[in-house]
C-alpha cells in the first residue's frame, strides 16, 4: 500500500481543481527509493509542457492535471487527467508496485476523466491527449 496521507497532497488537489487559482498540475513522488510514502513534489500553472520538464526518467510518479481545450468555437472545456509516470530507467521493484499504488492514489486524486499511462515524456504531448478527451467527452460539433 502507498502512503498518501500527507495533507499537502489534498491541499494541492483542491488547488488544481479550483477555478480561483492558476495552478493546473501537481506532481507526487516517493520520499525515497525504498519508501512507499508519496509526497507532493511540486505544482505549477504551465500545463503539460511544464509538468514534462519535472519528470525524472529514473522514477515512478503520479500527476494530476487540469487540461483546458476548446471543443468548438463557442465553448471551452476543462477536464482532469491522472498521469501514471514510469520513467524508462525506473527500478524494477518500483515498477512492480505501481498497479497496487495507483489504486491508493486514485482514492485521493478521485475525480478525473482519463488516466494517462506515460513511459516517455512524449506520451504527455497535449494534442493527442486533447483528441482523446474530446472523443470521451461526448457531443462534438467540429467533426472531431
N, C-alpha and C. Protein backbone atom coordinates (compact mmCIF):
# COMPACT_ATOMS: atom_id res chain seq x y z
N UNK A 1 0.83 -1.20 0.00
CA UNK A 1 0.00 0.00 0.00
C UNK A 1 0.87 1.25 0.00
N UNK A 2 0.43 2.23 -0.76
CA UNK A 2 1.12 3.51 -0.78
C UNK A 2 0.55 4.41 0.33
N UNK A 3 1.41 5.15 0.96
CA UNK A 3 1.00 6.10 1.99
C UNK A 3 0.79 7.45 1.32
N UNK A 4 -0.47 7.86 1.23
CA UNK A 4 -0.80 9.15 0.61
C UNK A 4 -1.45 10.09 1.63
N UNK A 5 -1.00 9.99 2.89
CA UNK A 5 -1.62 10.71 3.99
C UNK A 5 -1.14 12.16 4.14
N UNK A 6 -0.12 12.56 3.42
CA UNK A 6 0.40 13.93 3.53
C UNK A 6 -0.71 14.93 3.21
N UNK A 7 -1.07 15.81 4.16
CA UNK A 7 -2.16 16.77 3.92
C UNK A 7 -1.87 17.74 2.77
N UNK A 8 -0.60 17.93 2.44
CA UNK A 8 -0.25 18.82 1.32
C UNK A 8 -0.76 18.26 -0.01
N UNK A 9 -0.91 16.94 -0.09
CA UNK A 9 -1.42 16.32 -1.32
C UNK A 9 -2.86 16.76 -1.57
N UNK A 10 -3.71 16.65 -0.53
CA UNK A 10 -5.10 17.05 -0.70
C UNK A 10 -5.23 18.55 -0.94
N UNK A 11 -4.41 19.35 -0.27
CA UNK A 11 -4.44 20.80 -0.50
C UNK A 11 -4.11 21.13 -1.95
N UNK A 12 -3.09 20.48 -2.50
CA UNK A 12 -2.71 20.72 -3.89
C UNK A 12 -3.80 20.23 -4.85
N UNK A 13 -4.41 19.09 -4.54
CA UNK A 13 -5.51 18.55 -5.33
C UNK A 13 -6.65 19.56 -5.41
N UNK A 14 -7.03 20.12 -4.26
CA UNK A 14 -8.11 21.11 -4.24
C UNK A 14 -7.71 22.36 -5.03
N UNK A 15 -6.44 22.72 -4.95
CA UNK A 15 -5.92 23.89 -5.66
C UNK A 15 -6.02 23.69 -7.18
N UNK A 16 -5.63 22.52 -7.66
CA UNK A 16 -5.71 22.24 -9.10
C UNK A 16 -7.17 22.24 -9.56
N UNK A 17 -8.06 21.73 -8.75
CA UNK A 17 -9.49 21.66 -9.12
C UNK A 17 -10.19 23.02 -9.05
N UNK A 18 -9.64 23.95 -8.31
CA UNK A 18 -10.29 25.25 -8.09
C UNK A 18 -10.22 26.14 -9.33
N UNK A 19 -11.34 26.80 -9.62
CA UNK A 19 -11.38 27.78 -10.71
C UNK A 19 -10.76 29.11 -10.28
N UNK A 20 -10.47 29.25 -9.00
CA UNK A 20 -9.99 30.52 -8.48
C UNK A 20 -8.46 30.64 -8.48
N UNK A 21 -7.75 29.57 -8.89
CA UNK A 21 -6.29 29.63 -8.93
C UNK A 21 -5.80 29.27 -10.33
N UNK A 22 -4.57 29.63 -10.62
CA UNK A 22 -3.96 29.29 -11.91
C UNK A 22 -3.28 27.93 -11.88
N UNK A 23 -3.14 27.34 -10.70
CA UNK A 23 -2.46 26.05 -10.59
C UNK A 23 -3.21 25.01 -11.40
N UNK A 24 -2.50 24.34 -12.33
CA UNK A 24 -3.19 23.36 -13.15
C UNK A 24 -2.52 21.99 -13.17
N UNK A 25 -1.54 21.78 -12.30
CA UNK A 25 -0.99 20.43 -12.16
C UNK A 25 -0.30 20.27 -10.81
N UNK A 26 -0.20 19.01 -10.40
CA UNK A 26 0.56 18.64 -9.21
C UNK A 26 1.32 17.37 -9.53
N UNK A 27 2.43 17.19 -8.84
CA UNK A 27 3.27 16.02 -9.05
C UNK A 27 3.57 15.36 -7.71
N UNK A 28 3.28 14.06 -7.62
CA UNK A 28 3.58 13.28 -6.43
C UNK A 28 4.75 12.35 -6.73
N UNK A 29 5.63 12.22 -5.75
CA UNK A 29 6.78 11.34 -5.91
C UNK A 29 7.01 10.62 -4.60
N UNK A 30 7.75 9.52 -4.67
CA UNK A 30 8.07 8.75 -3.48
C UNK A 30 9.15 9.47 -2.68
N UNK A 31 9.05 9.36 -1.35
CA UNK A 31 10.00 10.00 -0.45
C UNK A 31 11.44 9.56 -0.72
N UNK A 32 11.60 8.26 -1.01
CA UNK A 32 12.91 7.71 -1.33
C UNK A 32 12.71 6.46 -2.18
N UNK A 33 13.81 5.88 -2.65
CA UNK A 33 13.72 4.68 -3.48
C UNK A 33 13.08 3.50 -2.75
N UNK A 34 13.26 3.42 -1.46
CA UNK A 34 12.73 2.29 -0.70
C UNK A 34 11.41 2.59 0.00
N UNK A 35 10.97 3.81 -0.05
CA UNK A 35 9.76 4.22 0.67
C UNK A 35 8.52 4.05 -0.21
N UNK A 36 7.40 3.73 0.44
CA UNK A 36 6.11 3.71 -0.24
C UNK A 36 5.28 4.93 0.12
N UNK A 37 5.91 5.91 0.76
CA UNK A 37 5.21 7.15 1.13
C UNK A 37 5.36 8.16 0.00
N UNK A 38 4.20 8.65 -0.45
CA UNK A 38 4.21 9.67 -1.50
C UNK A 38 4.14 11.05 -0.88
N UNK A 39 4.83 11.98 -1.51
CA UNK A 39 4.79 13.37 -1.05
C UNK A 39 4.59 14.29 -2.25
N UNK A 40 4.09 15.47 -1.97
CA UNK A 40 3.91 16.48 -3.01
C UNK A 40 5.28 17.02 -3.38
N UNK A 41 5.66 16.85 -4.64
CA UNK A 41 6.96 17.34 -5.11
C UNK A 41 6.87 18.76 -5.62
N UNK A 42 5.83 19.03 -6.44
CA UNK A 42 5.71 20.37 -6.99
C UNK A 42 4.32 20.56 -7.58
N UNK A 43 4.00 21.82 -7.82
CA UNK A 43 2.78 22.21 -8.51
C UNK A 43 3.17 23.28 -9.51
N UNK A 44 2.28 23.56 -10.44
CA UNK A 44 2.59 24.60 -11.41
C UNK A 44 1.37 25.05 -12.18
N UNK A 45 1.57 26.06 -13.02
CA UNK A 45 0.48 26.61 -13.81
C UNK A 45 0.81 26.60 -15.31
N UNK A 46 1.86 25.88 -15.69
CA UNK A 46 2.29 25.84 -17.09
C UNK A 46 1.81 24.64 -17.88
N UNK A 47 0.85 23.90 -17.35
CA UNK A 47 0.25 22.79 -18.07
C UNK A 47 1.18 21.61 -18.28
N UNK A 48 0.81 20.78 -19.24
CA UNK A 48 1.54 19.54 -19.50
C UNK A 48 2.99 19.77 -19.89
N UNK A 49 3.25 20.85 -20.64
CA UNK A 49 4.64 21.10 -21.07
C UNK A 49 5.54 21.37 -19.86
N UNK A 50 5.04 22.13 -18.90
CA UNK A 50 5.82 22.40 -17.68
C UNK A 50 5.97 21.13 -16.84
N UNK A 51 4.90 20.35 -16.74
CA UNK A 51 4.95 19.10 -15.98
C UNK A 51 6.00 18.15 -16.57
N UNK A 52 6.04 18.02 -17.88
CA UNK A 52 7.00 17.12 -18.54
C UNK A 52 8.43 17.42 -18.11
N UNK A 53 8.74 18.70 -17.93
CA UNK A 53 10.10 19.10 -17.52
C UNK A 53 10.44 18.62 -16.11
N UNK A 54 9.42 18.35 -15.29
CA UNK A 54 9.64 17.95 -13.89
C UNK A 54 9.83 16.45 -13.72
N UNK A 55 9.49 15.68 -14.74
CA UNK A 55 9.52 14.22 -14.61
C UNK A 55 10.95 13.69 -14.70
N UNK A 56 11.25 12.73 -13.85
CA UNK A 56 12.58 12.13 -13.77
C UNK A 56 12.53 10.75 -14.42
N UNK A 57 13.42 10.50 -15.38
CA UNK A 57 13.44 9.23 -16.11
C UNK A 57 13.72 8.03 -15.22
N UNK A 58 14.27 8.25 -14.03
CA UNK A 58 14.62 7.13 -13.16
C UNK A 58 13.55 6.85 -12.10
N UNK A 59 12.43 7.56 -12.16
CA UNK A 59 11.42 7.44 -11.11
C UNK A 59 10.05 7.05 -11.65
N UNK A 60 9.21 6.66 -10.72
CA UNK A 60 7.78 6.49 -10.97
C UNK A 60 7.09 7.60 -10.18
N UNK A 61 6.15 8.28 -10.81
CA UNK A 61 5.47 9.40 -10.17
C UNK A 61 4.02 9.41 -10.61
N UNK A 62 3.25 10.24 -9.93
CA UNK A 62 1.84 10.44 -10.28
C UNK A 62 1.61 11.93 -10.43
N UNK A 63 0.82 12.29 -11.43
CA UNK A 63 0.50 13.70 -11.62
C UNK A 63 -1.00 13.85 -11.85
N UNK A 64 -1.51 14.99 -11.48
CA UNK A 64 -2.92 15.34 -11.68
C UNK A 64 -2.92 16.66 -12.42
N UNK A 65 -3.62 16.71 -13.55
CA UNK A 65 -3.52 17.86 -14.45
C UNK A 65 -4.90 18.32 -14.89
N UNK A 66 -5.10 19.65 -14.86
CA UNK A 66 -6.29 20.25 -15.45
C UNK A 66 -5.94 20.64 -16.88
N UNK A 67 -6.68 20.12 -17.84
CA UNK A 67 -6.44 20.40 -19.25
C UNK A 67 -7.62 21.21 -19.78
N UNK A 68 -7.33 22.35 -20.37
CA UNK A 68 -8.38 23.18 -20.95
C UNK A 68 -8.26 23.13 -22.46
N UNK A 69 -9.40 23.01 -23.12
CA UNK A 69 -9.41 22.99 -24.58
C UNK A 69 -10.74 23.53 -25.09
N UNK A 70 -10.72 23.96 -26.34
CA UNK A 70 -11.95 24.44 -26.98
C UNK A 70 -12.57 23.26 -27.72
N UNK A 71 -13.82 22.97 -27.40
CA UNK A 71 -14.50 21.87 -28.07
C UNK A 71 -15.02 22.31 -29.43
N UNK A 72 -15.41 23.55 -29.52
CA UNK A 72 -15.81 24.17 -30.78
C UNK A 72 -15.59 25.66 -30.60
N UNK A 73 -16.05 26.46 -31.54
CA UNK A 73 -15.78 27.90 -31.47
C UNK A 73 -16.45 28.59 -30.30
N UNK A 74 -17.54 28.02 -29.80
CA UNK A 74 -18.30 28.67 -28.73
C UNK A 74 -18.01 28.17 -27.33
N UNK A 75 -17.32 27.07 -27.20
CA UNK A 75 -17.21 26.51 -25.84
C UNK A 75 -15.78 26.12 -25.49
N UNK A 76 -15.50 26.27 -24.21
CA UNK A 76 -14.23 25.78 -23.64
C UNK A 76 -14.58 24.76 -22.59
N UNK A 77 -13.74 23.75 -22.51
CA UNK A 77 -13.95 22.71 -21.51
C UNK A 77 -12.69 22.55 -20.69
N UNK A 78 -12.89 22.13 -19.46
CA UNK A 78 -11.78 21.75 -18.59
C UNK A 78 -12.02 20.33 -18.15
N UNK A 79 -11.01 19.51 -18.31
CA UNK A 79 -11.06 18.12 -17.88
C UNK A 79 -9.81 17.84 -17.06
N UNK A 80 -9.90 16.83 -16.23
CA UNK A 80 -8.78 16.46 -15.38
C UNK A 80 -8.27 15.09 -15.79
N UNK A 81 -6.94 14.95 -15.79
CA UNK A 81 -6.34 13.67 -16.12
C UNK A 81 -5.41 13.24 -14.99
N UNK A 82 -5.30 11.93 -14.82
CA UNK A 82 -4.35 11.35 -13.88
C UNK A 82 -3.23 10.74 -14.70
N UNK A 83 -2.01 11.16 -14.43
CA UNK A 83 -0.85 10.64 -15.15
C UNK A 83 -0.12 9.66 -14.23
N UNK A 84 0.12 8.47 -14.76
CA UNK A 84 0.94 7.48 -14.05
C UNK A 84 2.24 7.38 -14.83
N UNK A 85 3.27 8.00 -14.29
CA UNK A 85 4.57 8.08 -14.95
C UNK A 85 5.49 6.96 -14.46
N UNK A 86 5.99 6.18 -15.39
CA UNK A 86 7.04 5.20 -15.08
C UNK A 86 8.17 5.50 -16.04
N UNK A 87 9.19 6.18 -15.53
CA UNK A 87 10.32 6.58 -16.36
C UNK A 87 11.03 5.38 -16.96
N UNK A 88 11.68 5.58 -18.13
CA UNK A 88 12.35 4.47 -18.80
C UNK A 88 13.46 3.82 -17.98
N UNK A 89 14.00 4.51 -17.01
CA UNK A 89 15.08 3.96 -16.18
C UNK A 89 14.62 3.64 -14.75
N UNK A 90 13.31 3.52 -14.56
CA UNK A 90 12.74 3.23 -13.24
C UNK A 90 13.14 1.81 -12.81
N UNK A 91 13.43 1.65 -11.52
CA UNK A 91 13.83 0.35 -10.99
C UNK A 91 12.68 -0.66 -11.05
N UNK A 92 13.04 -1.91 -11.25
CA UNK A 92 12.07 -2.99 -11.45
C UNK A 92 11.11 -3.13 -10.27
N UNK A 93 11.60 -3.08 -9.06
CA UNK A 93 10.72 -3.25 -7.89
C UNK A 93 9.72 -2.11 -7.76
N UNK A 94 10.12 -0.91 -8.13
CA UNK A 94 9.19 0.21 -8.10
C UNK A 94 8.10 0.00 -9.15
N UNK A 95 8.49 -0.42 -10.35
CA UNK A 95 7.51 -0.69 -11.42
C UNK A 95 6.49 -1.73 -10.96
N UNK A 96 6.97 -2.75 -10.25
CA UNK A 96 6.11 -3.84 -9.83
C UNK A 96 5.01 -3.38 -8.87
N UNK A 97 5.26 -2.32 -8.13
CA UNK A 97 4.29 -1.84 -7.13
C UNK A 97 3.30 -0.82 -7.69
N UNK A 98 3.53 -0.35 -8.89
CA UNK A 98 2.73 0.76 -9.42
C UNK A 98 1.24 0.44 -9.51
N UNK A 99 0.87 -0.73 -9.98
CA UNK A 99 -0.56 -1.03 -10.15
C UNK A 99 -1.29 -1.01 -8.81
N UNK A 100 -0.66 -1.53 -7.76
CA UNK A 100 -1.27 -1.51 -6.43
C UNK A 100 -1.31 -0.08 -5.89
N UNK A 101 -0.22 0.64 -6.03
CA UNK A 101 -0.15 2.00 -5.51
C UNK A 101 -1.08 2.95 -6.26
N UNK A 102 -1.30 2.69 -7.54
CA UNK A 102 -2.21 3.54 -8.32
C UNK A 102 -3.61 3.56 -7.71
N UNK A 103 -4.06 2.42 -7.20
CA UNK A 103 -5.38 2.36 -6.57
C UNK A 103 -5.43 3.27 -5.33
N UNK A 104 -4.36 3.31 -4.57
CA UNK A 104 -4.30 4.18 -3.39
C UNK A 104 -4.30 5.65 -3.79
N UNK A 105 -3.57 5.97 -4.84
CA UNK A 105 -3.51 7.35 -5.33
C UNK A 105 -4.90 7.79 -5.82
N UNK A 106 -5.61 6.89 -6.49
CA UNK A 106 -6.94 7.21 -7.01
C UNK A 106 -7.95 7.46 -5.89
N UNK A 107 -7.67 6.97 -4.69
CA UNK A 107 -8.55 7.27 -3.55
C UNK A 107 -8.40 8.71 -3.09
N UNK A 108 -7.28 9.33 -3.43
CA UNK A 108 -7.02 10.72 -3.02
C UNK A 108 -7.27 11.68 -4.19
N UNK A 109 -6.76 11.34 -5.36
CA UNK A 109 -6.97 12.15 -6.57
C UNK A 109 -8.15 11.52 -7.30
N UNK A 110 -9.34 11.74 -6.77
CA UNK A 110 -10.52 10.96 -7.12
C UNK A 110 -11.14 11.28 -8.47
N UNK A 111 -11.26 12.54 -8.82
CA UNK A 111 -12.08 12.93 -9.96
C UNK A 111 -11.20 13.22 -11.17
N UNK A 112 -11.29 12.36 -12.18
CA UNK A 112 -10.55 12.59 -13.42
C UNK A 112 -11.29 11.93 -14.57
N UNK A 113 -11.11 12.49 -15.76
CA UNK A 113 -11.80 11.98 -16.94
C UNK A 113 -11.04 10.85 -17.60
N UNK A 114 -9.72 10.86 -17.44
CA UNK A 114 -8.91 9.90 -18.17
C UNK A 114 -7.61 9.65 -17.43
N UNK A 115 -7.17 8.40 -17.45
CA UNK A 115 -5.86 8.04 -16.92
C UNK A 115 -4.89 7.94 -18.08
N UNK A 116 -3.73 8.56 -17.93
CA UNK A 116 -2.72 8.54 -18.98
C UNK A 116 -1.48 7.82 -18.47
N UNK A 117 -1.26 6.59 -18.96
CA UNK A 117 -0.02 5.91 -18.60
C UNK A 117 1.12 6.48 -19.45
N UNK A 118 2.18 6.91 -18.83
CA UNK A 118 3.27 7.56 -19.57
C UNK A 118 4.59 6.86 -19.26
N UNK A 119 5.29 6.46 -20.31
CA UNK A 119 6.60 5.82 -20.17
C UNK A 119 7.70 6.72 -20.73
N UNK A 120 7.31 7.63 -21.61
CA UNK A 120 8.23 8.60 -22.20
C UNK A 120 7.57 9.96 -22.11
N UNK A 121 8.37 11.00 -22.08
CA UNK A 121 7.81 12.35 -21.96
C UNK A 121 6.90 12.70 -23.14
N UNK A 122 7.19 12.11 -24.30
CA UNK A 122 6.34 12.36 -25.48
C UNK A 122 4.92 11.82 -25.30
N UNK A 123 4.72 10.90 -24.36
CA UNK A 123 3.37 10.39 -24.07
C UNK A 123 2.49 11.48 -23.47
N UNK A 124 3.11 12.59 -23.06
CA UNK A 124 2.36 13.67 -22.42
C UNK A 124 2.28 14.92 -23.30
N UNK A 125 2.33 14.73 -24.61
CA UNK A 125 2.10 15.86 -25.51
C UNK A 125 0.61 16.20 -25.47
N UNK A 126 0.32 17.49 -25.49
CA UNK A 126 -1.04 17.94 -25.25
C UNK A 126 -2.03 17.57 -26.35
N UNK A 127 -1.64 17.70 -27.61
CA UNK A 127 -2.60 17.48 -28.71
C UNK A 127 -3.22 16.08 -28.71
N UNK A 128 -2.44 15.00 -28.62
CA UNK A 128 -3.07 13.67 -28.59
C UNK A 128 -3.98 13.46 -27.38
N UNK A 129 -3.61 14.05 -26.25
CA UNK A 129 -4.45 13.92 -25.05
C UNK A 129 -5.77 14.66 -25.25
N UNK A 130 -5.73 15.83 -25.84
CA UNK A 130 -6.95 16.60 -26.09
C UNK A 130 -7.87 15.84 -27.06
N UNK A 131 -7.30 15.21 -28.06
CA UNK A 131 -8.11 14.43 -29.00
C UNK A 131 -8.84 13.32 -28.25
N UNK A 132 -8.15 12.63 -27.36
CA UNK A 132 -8.79 11.56 -26.57
C UNK A 132 -9.86 12.12 -25.64
N UNK A 133 -9.59 13.28 -25.03
CA UNK A 133 -10.59 13.90 -24.15
C UNK A 133 -11.83 14.31 -24.94
N UNK A 134 -11.64 14.85 -26.14
CA UNK A 134 -12.79 15.23 -26.97
C UNK A 134 -13.64 14.02 -27.31
N UNK A 135 -12.99 12.93 -27.69
CA UNK A 135 -13.73 11.71 -28.05
C UNK A 135 -14.48 11.17 -26.85
N UNK A 136 -13.88 11.25 -25.68
CA UNK A 136 -14.52 10.74 -24.47
C UNK A 136 -15.58 11.69 -23.95
N UNK A 137 -15.55 12.95 -24.40
CA UNK A 137 -16.41 13.97 -23.84
C UNK A 137 -17.82 14.03 -24.39
N UNK A 138 -18.14 13.24 -25.40
CA UNK A 138 -19.50 13.26 -25.92
C UNK A 138 -19.65 14.16 -27.10
N UNK A 139 -20.64 15.05 -27.07
CA UNK A 139 -21.00 15.89 -28.21
C UNK A 139 -19.83 16.72 -28.70
N UNK A 140 -19.61 16.65 -30.01
CA UNK A 140 -18.59 17.47 -30.65
C UNK A 140 -19.19 17.96 -31.96
N UNK A 141 -19.15 19.25 -32.15
CA UNK A 141 -19.77 19.84 -33.33
C UNK A 141 -18.77 20.28 -34.38
N UNK A 142 -17.51 19.96 -34.18
CA UNK A 142 -16.50 20.37 -35.15
C UNK A 142 -15.90 19.18 -35.91
N UNK A 143 -16.59 18.04 -35.89
CA UNK A 143 -16.18 16.89 -36.68
C UNK A 143 -15.03 16.08 -36.12
N UNK A 144 -14.63 16.32 -34.87
CA UNK A 144 -13.51 15.56 -34.29
C UNK A 144 -14.05 14.33 -33.59
